[in-house]
Amino acid sequence: MRKSHLGFTLVEIMIVVVIIALLAAIAIPNMLRSRQQAHEAAAQANLKLIANALENYAAVNSVYPTGTTALMGVTPPYLSTDYFTGVHGGYTFTNSLTDYTYLISAFPTATTPGTASFTVSTGGILTKY
Protein backbone atom coordinates (compact mmCIF):
# COMPACT_ATOMS: atom_id res chain seq x y z
CA MET A 1 0.00 0.00 0.00
CA ARG A 2 1.39 3.41 -1.01
CA LYS A 3 1.30 6.36 1.28
CA SER A 4 -0.31 9.48 -0.24
CA HIS A 5 1.56 12.76 0.25
CA LEU A 6 -0.62 15.64 1.33
CA GLY A 7 0.97 19.10 1.42
CA PHE A 8 4.16 20.65 0.10
CA THR A 9 7.76 19.66 0.61
CA LEU A 10 10.28 22.02 2.14
CA VAL A 11 11.98 22.47 -1.25
CA GLU A 12 8.72 23.53 -2.91
CA ILE A 13 8.02 26.08 -0.17
CA MET A 14 11.58 27.47 -0.44
CA ILE A 15 11.20 27.90 -4.22
CA VAL A 16 7.96 29.85 -3.74
CA VAL A 17 9.60 32.08 -1.10
CA VAL A 18 12.53 32.81 -3.43
CA ILE A 19 10.17 33.71 -6.31
CA ILE A 20 8.17 36.07 -4.07
CA ALA A 21 11.39 37.71 -2.83
CA LEU A 22 12.57 38.27 -6.42
CA LEU A 23 9.25 39.82 -7.41
CA ALA A 24 9.36 42.11 -4.36
CA ALA A 25 12.93 43.15 -5.17
CA ILE A 26 11.74 44.25 -8.61
CA ALA A 27 8.40 45.82 -7.63
CA ILE A 28 9.29 47.83 -4.49
CA PRO A 29 11.86 50.19 -6.09
CA ASN A 30 9.45 50.87 -8.98
CA MET A 31 6.65 51.66 -6.55
CA LEU A 32 8.86 54.04 -4.54
CA ARG A 33 10.01 55.80 -7.71
CA SER A 34 6.39 56.24 -8.83
CA ARG A 35 5.46 57.65 -5.43
CA GLN A 36 8.35 60.13 -5.61
CA GLN A 37 7.30 61.26 -9.08
CA ALA A 38 3.71 61.70 -7.91
CA HIS A 39 4.79 63.92 -4.99
CA GLU A 40 7.01 66.01 -7.25
CA ALA A 41 4.25 66.41 -9.86
CA ALA A 42 1.81 67.51 -7.15
CA ALA A 43 4.29 70.10 -5.85
CA GLN A 44 4.79 71.50 -9.37
CA ALA A 45 1.03 71.63 -9.96
CA ASN A 46 0.51 73.46 -6.66
CA LEU A 47 3.23 75.98 -7.56
CA LYS A 48 1.58 76.64 -10.92
CA LEU A 49 -1.77 77.10 -9.16
CA ILE A 50 -0.22 79.63 -6.75
CA ALA A 51 1.50 81.46 -9.63
CA ASN A 52 -1.80 81.68 -11.53
CA ALA A 53 -3.49 83.12 -8.45
CA LEU A 54 -0.72 85.71 -8.08
CA GLU A 55 -0.87 86.64 -11.76
CA ASN A 56 -4.68 86.99 -11.63
CA TYR A 57 -4.40 89.17 -8.52
CA ALA A 58 -1.83 91.38 -10.28
CA ALA A 59 -4.02 91.66 -13.38
CA VAL A 60 -6.87 93.05 -11.26
CA ASN A 61 -4.87 95.13 -8.75
CA SER A 62 -1.83 96.19 -10.86
CA VAL A 63 0.54 94.86 -8.13
CA TYR A 64 1.24 91.51 -6.54
CA PRO A 65 -0.02 90.99 -2.99
CA THR A 66 2.54 91.44 -0.22
CA GLY A 67 0.90 88.68 1.83
CA THR A 68 -0.83 85.43 0.97
CA THR A 69 -3.96 86.28 2.96
CA ALA A 70 -4.91 88.72 0.20
CA LEU A 71 -5.28 85.74 -2.14
CA MET A 72 -7.77 83.99 0.14
CA GLY A 73 -9.49 86.90 1.87
CA VAL A 74 -11.71 87.93 -1.05
CA THR A 75 -14.86 86.49 -2.60
CA PRO A 76 -14.29 84.54 -4.74
CA PRO A 77 -10.79 83.75 -3.52
CA TYR A 78 -7.85 83.74 -5.90
CA LEU A 79 -6.55 80.71 -4.00
CA SER A 80 -8.87 78.37 -2.09
CA THR A 81 -6.18 76.50 -0.11
CA ASP A 82 -3.55 78.05 2.15
CA TYR A 83 -0.46 76.20 0.92
CA PHE A 84 1.80 78.20 3.22
CA THR A 85 0.67 76.52 6.43
CA GLY A 86 1.37 72.85 7.02
CA VAL A 87 2.40 70.16 4.57
CA HIS A 88 0.66 69.72 1.22
CA GLY A 89 1.42 66.67 -0.90
CA GLY A 90 4.62 65.98 1.04
CA TYR A 91 5.97 69.50 0.48
CA THR A 92 6.12 72.70 2.50
CA PHE A 93 5.75 76.02 0.70
CA THR A 94 7.45 79.34 1.44
CA ASN A 95 7.00 82.72 -0.19
CA SER A 96 8.74 86.00 -0.81
CA LEU A 97 6.27 88.61 -2.06
CA THR A 98 6.72 92.25 -3.04
CA ASP A 99 4.55 94.63 -5.03
CA TYR A 100 6.29 93.69 -8.28
CA THR A 101 7.91 90.29 -7.76
CA TYR A 102 7.30 86.94 -6.13
CA LEU A 103 9.25 83.78 -5.40
CA ILE A 104 7.43 80.69 -4.13
CA SER A 105 9.45 77.63 -3.09
CA ALA A 106 8.41 74.04 -2.41
CA PHE A 107 10.65 71.85 -0.25
CA PRO A 108 10.12 68.11 0.41
CA THR A 109 9.52 67.12 4.01
CA ALA A 110 11.76 64.60 5.76
CA THR A 111 9.18 61.86 5.21
CA THR A 112 8.59 62.63 1.52
CA PRO A 113 10.24 60.17 -0.84
CA GLY A 114 11.12 63.03 -3.21
CA THR A 115 14.39 64.90 -3.10
CA ALA A 116 13.76 67.69 -5.61
CA SER A 117 12.80 71.20 -4.58
CA PHE A 118 11.02 73.64 -6.87
CA THR A 119 10.47 77.37 -7.19
CA VAL A 120 8.16 79.53 -9.23
CA SER A 121 9.07 83.15 -9.78
CA THR A 122 7.53 86.27 -11.27
CA GLY A 123 5.83 85.47 -14.55
CA GLY A 124 5.17 81.84 -13.56
CA ILE A 125 8.68 80.52 -14.28
CA LEU A 126 9.01 77.08 -12.69
CA THR A 127 12.51 75.84 -11.75
CA LYS A 128 13.67 72.52 -10.32
CA TYR A 129 16.73 72.41 -8.08
C-alpha atoms as a PDB file:
ATOM      1  CA  MET A   1       0.000   0.000   0.000  1.00  0.00           C
ATOM      2  CA  ARG A   2       1.392   3.413  -1.008  1.00  0.00           C
ATOM      3  CA  LYS A   3       1.298   6.355   1.277  1.00  0.00           C
ATOM      4  CA  SER A   4      -0.311   9.478  -0.238  1.00  0.00           C
ATOM      5  CA  HIS A   5       1.563  12.760   0.246  1.00  0.00           C
ATOM      6  CA  LEU A   6      -0.623  15.636   1.328  1.00  0.00           C
ATOM      7  CA  GLY A   7       0.975  19.102   1.420  1.00  0.00           C
ATOM      8  CA  PHE A   8       4.159  20.655   0.098  1.00  0.00           C
ATOM      9  CA  THR A   9       7.755  19.658   0.615  1.00  0.00           C
ATOM     10  CA  LEU A  10      10.276  22.023   2.143  1.00  0.00           C
ATOM     11  CA  VAL A  11      11.984  22.467  -1.253  1.00  0.00           C
ATOM     12  CA  GLU A  12       8.719  23.532  -2.909  1.00  0.00           C
ATOM     13  CA  ILE A  13       8.024  26.077  -0.173  1.00  0.00           C
ATOM     14  CA  MET A  14      11.579  27.471  -0.442  1.00  0.00           C
ATOM     15  CA  ILE A  15      11.202  27.904  -4.222  1.00  0.00           C
ATOM     16  CA  VAL A  16       7.955  29.853  -3.739  1.00  0.00           C
ATOM     17  CA  VAL A  17       9.600  32.080  -1.101  1.00  0.00           C
ATOM     18  CA  VAL A  18      12.529  32.813  -3.428  1.00  0.00           C
ATOM     19  CA  ILE A  19      10.172  33.714  -6.307  1.00  0.00           C
ATOM     20  CA  ILE A  20       8.174  36.070  -4.065  1.00  0.00           C
ATOM     21  CA  ALA A  21      11.395  37.710  -2.828  1.00  0.00           C
ATOM     22  CA  LEU A  22      12.573  38.268  -6.422  1.00  0.00           C
ATOM     23  CA  LEU A  23       9.247  39.821  -7.408  1.00  0.00           C
ATOM     24  CA  ALA A  24       9.360  42.106  -4.356  1.00  0.00           C
ATOM     25  CA  ALA A  25      12.931  43.149  -5.171  1.00  0.00           C
ATOM     26  CA  ILE A  26      11.741  44.247  -8.613  1.00  0.00           C
ATOM     27  CA  ALA A  27       8.402  45.822  -7.626  1.00  0.00           C
ATOM     28  CA  ILE A  28       9.288  47.829  -4.489  1.00  0.00           C
ATOM     29  CA  PRO A  29      11.862  50.187  -6.087  1.00  0.00           C
ATOM     30  CA  ASN A  30       9.451  50.873  -8.980  1.00  0.00           C
ATOM     31  CA  MET A  31       6.652  51.658  -6.547  1.00  0.00           C
ATOM     32  CA  LEU A  32       8.857  54.043  -4.539  1.00  0.00           C
ATOM     33  CA  ARG A  33      10.008  55.799  -7.714  1.00  0.00           C
ATOM     34  CA  SER A  34       6.388  56.235  -8.827  1.00  0.00           C
ATOM     35  CA  ARG A  35       5.457  57.648  -5.429  1.00  0.00           C
ATOM     36  CA  GLN A  36       8.354  60.129  -5.605  1.00  0.00           C
ATOM     37  CA  GLN A  37       7.302  61.264  -9.081  1.00  0.00           C
ATOM     38  CA  ALA A  38       3.708  61.698  -7.907  1.00  0.00           C
ATOM     39  CA  HIS A  39       4.786  63.920  -4.990  1.00  0.00           C
ATOM     40  CA  GLU A  40       7.008  66.013  -7.253  1.00  0.00           C
ATOM     41  CA  ALA A  41       4.248  66.405  -9.864  1.00  0.00           C
ATOM     42  CA  ALA A  42       1.806  67.509  -7.148  1.00  0.00           C
ATOM     43  CA  ALA A  43       4.290  70.099  -5.853  1.00  0.00           C
ATOM     44  CA  GLN A  44       4.795  71.497  -9.365  1.00  0.00           C
ATOM     45  CA  ALA A  45       1.035  71.635  -9.961  1.00  0.00           C
ATOM     46  CA  ASN A  46       0.514  73.459  -6.662  1.00  0.00           C
ATOM     47  CA  LEU A  47       3.229  75.977  -7.556  1.00  0.00           C
ATOM     48  CA  LYS A  48       1.576  76.643 -10.921  1.00  0.00           C
ATOM     49  CA  LEU A  49      -1.765  77.101  -9.157  1.00  0.00           C
ATOM     50  CA  ILE A  50      -0.223  79.630  -6.753  1.00  0.00           C
ATOM     51  CA  ALA A  51       1.500  81.455  -9.630  1.00  0.00           C
ATOM     52  CA  ASN A  52      -1.804  81.676 -11.534  1.00  0.00           C
ATOM     53  CA  ALA A  53      -3.491  83.118  -8.445  1.00  0.00           C
ATOM     54  CA  LEU A  54      -0.722  85.709  -8.076  1.00  0.00           C
ATOM     55  CA  GLU A  55      -0.870  86.644 -11.756  1.00  0.00           C
ATOM     56  CA  ASN A  56      -4.684  86.988 -11.631  1.00  0.00           C
ATOM     57  CA  TYR A  57      -4.401  89.172  -8.524  1.00  0.00           C
ATOM     58  CA  ALA A  58      -1.830  91.375 -10.276  1.00  0.00           C
ATOM     59  CA  ALA A  59      -4.025  91.662 -13.380  1.00  0.00           C
ATOM     60  CA  VAL A  60      -6.870  93.046 -11.260  1.00  0.00           C
ATOM     61  CA  ASN A  61      -4.866  95.133  -8.751  1.00  0.00           C
ATOM     62  CA  SER A  62      -1.825  96.189 -10.859  1.00  0.00           C
ATOM     63  CA  VAL A  63       0.539  94.860  -8.129  1.00  0.00           C
ATOM     64  CA  TYR A  64       1.236  91.509  -6.541  1.00  0.00           C
ATOM     65  CA  PRO A  65      -0.017  90.993  -2.987  1.00  0.00           C
ATOM     66  CA  THR A  66       2.538  91.442  -0.220  1.00  0.00           C
ATOM     67  CA  GLY A  67       0.900  88.677   1.829  1.00  0.00           C
ATOM     68  CA  THR A  68      -0.831  85.432   0.970  1.00  0.00           C
ATOM     69  CA  THR A  69      -3.959  86.276   2.963  1.00  0.00           C
ATOM     70  CA  ALA A  70      -4.913  88.718   0.200  1.00  0.00           C
ATOM     71  CA  LEU A  71      -5.283  85.741  -2.140  1.00  0.00           C
ATOM     72  CA  MET A  72      -7.767  83.992   0.139  1.00  0.00           C
ATOM     73  CA  GLY A  73      -9.492  86.897   1.870  1.00  0.00           C
ATOM     74  CA  VAL A  74     -11.713  87.933  -1.055  1.00  0.00           C
ATOM     75  CA  THR A  75     -14.861  86.490  -2.595  1.00  0.00           C
ATOM     76  CA  PRO A  76     -14.295  84.538  -4.742  1.00  0.00           C
ATOM     77  CA  PRO A  77     -10.786  83.754  -3.516  1.00  0.00           C
ATOM     78  CA  TYR A  78      -7.849  83.745  -5.902  1.00  0.00           C
ATOM     79  CA  LEU A  79      -6.553  80.710  -3.998  1.00  0.00           C
ATOM     80  CA  SER A  80      -8.872  78.371  -2.089  1.00  0.00           C
ATOM     81  CA  THR A  81      -6.181  76.504  -0.111  1.00  0.00           C
ATOM     82  CA  ASP A  82      -3.548  78.050   2.148  1.00  0.00           C
ATOM     83  CA  TYR A  83      -0.462  76.199   0.922  1.00  0.00           C
ATOM     84  CA  PHE A  84       1.804  78.199   3.222  1.00  0.00           C
ATOM     85  CA  THR A  85       0.666  76.523   6.434  1.00  0.00           C
ATOM     86  CA  GLY A  86       1.375  72.853   7.020  1.00  0.00           C
ATOM     87  CA  VAL A  87       2.401  70.165   4.571  1.00  0.00           C
ATOM     88  CA  HIS A  88       0.658  69.717   1.219  1.00  0.00           C
ATOM     89  CA  GLY A  89       1.420  66.670  -0.900  1.00  0.00           C
ATOM     90  CA  GLY A  90       4.621  65.979   1.042  1.00  0.00           C
ATOM     91  CA  TYR A  91       5.969  69.497   0.480  1.00  0.00           C
ATOM     92  CA  THR A  92       6.122  72.701   2.499  1.00  0.00           C
ATOM     93  CA  PHE A  93       5.751  76.017   0.696  1.00  0.00           C
ATOM     94  CA  THR A  94       7.446  79.336   1.436  1.00  0.00           C
ATOM     95  CA  ASN A  95       7.001  82.717  -0.191  1.00  0.00           C
ATOM     96  CA  SER A  96       8.740  85.999  -0.811  1.00  0.00           C
ATOM     97  CA  LEU A  97       6.273  88.610  -2.059  1.00  0.00           C
ATOM     98  CA  THR A  98       6.716  92.248  -3.041  1.00  0.00           C
ATOM     99  CA  ASP A  99       4.546  94.627  -5.033  1.00  0.00           C
ATOM    100  CA  TYR A 100       6.286  93.688  -8.281  1.00  0.00           C
ATOM    101  CA  THR A 101       7.914  90.286  -7.761  1.00  0.00           C
ATOM    102  CA  TYR A 102       7.304  86.944  -6.132  1.00  0.00           C
ATOM    103  CA  LEU A 103       9.245  83.780  -5.399  1.00  0.00           C
ATOM    104  CA  ILE A 104       7.427  80.692  -4.126  1.00  0.00           C
ATOM    105  CA  SER A 105       9.450  77.626  -3.086  1.00  0.00           C
ATOM    106  CA  ALA A 106       8.413  74.036  -2.408  1.00  0.00           C
ATOM    107  CA  PHE A 107      10.647  71.847  -0.250  1.00  0.00           C
ATOM    108  CA  PRO A 108      10.117  68.110   0.405  1.00  0.00           C
ATOM    109  CA  THR A 109       9.525  67.122   4.008  1.00  0.00           C
ATOM    110  CA  ALA A 110      11.763  64.603   5.758  1.00  0.00           C
ATOM    111  CA  THR A 111       9.177  61.861   5.206  1.00  0.00           C
ATOM    112  CA  THR A 112       8.586  62.631   1.523  1.00  0.00           C
ATOM    113  CA  PRO A 113      10.242  60.172  -0.840  1.00  0.00           C
ATOM    114  CA  GLY A 114      11.117  63.033  -3.209  1.00  0.00           C
ATOM    115  CA  THR A 115      14.389  64.903  -3.105  1.00  0.00           C
ATOM    116  CA  ALA A 116      13.761  67.686  -5.614  1.00  0.00           C
ATOM    117  CA  SER A 117      12.801  71.204  -4.583  1.00  0.00           C
ATOM    118  CA  PHE A 118      11.016  73.641  -6.871  1.00  0.00           C
ATOM    119  CA  THR A 119      10.473  77.372  -7.191  1.00  0.00           C
ATOM    120  CA  VAL A 120       8.159  79.528  -9.225  1.00  0.00           C
ATOM    121  CA  SER A 121       9.074  83.151  -9.781  1.00  0.00           C
ATOM    122  CA  THR A 122       7.526  86.274 -11.271  1.00  0.00           C
ATOM    123  CA  GLY A 123       5.831  85.468 -14.552  1.00  0.00           C
ATOM    124  CA  GLY A 124       5.171  81.842 -13.559  1.00  0.00           C
ATOM    125  CA  ILE A 125       8.681  80.524 -14.280  1.00  0.00           C
ATOM    126  CA  LEU A 126       9.011  77.077 -12.686  1.00  0.00           C
ATOM    127  CA  THR A 127      12.506  75.840 -11.754  1.00  0.00           C
ATOM    128  CA  LYS A 128      13.668  72.521 -10.320  1.00  0.00           C
ATOM    129  CA  TYR A 129      16.730  72.411  -8.079  1.00  0.00           C
END
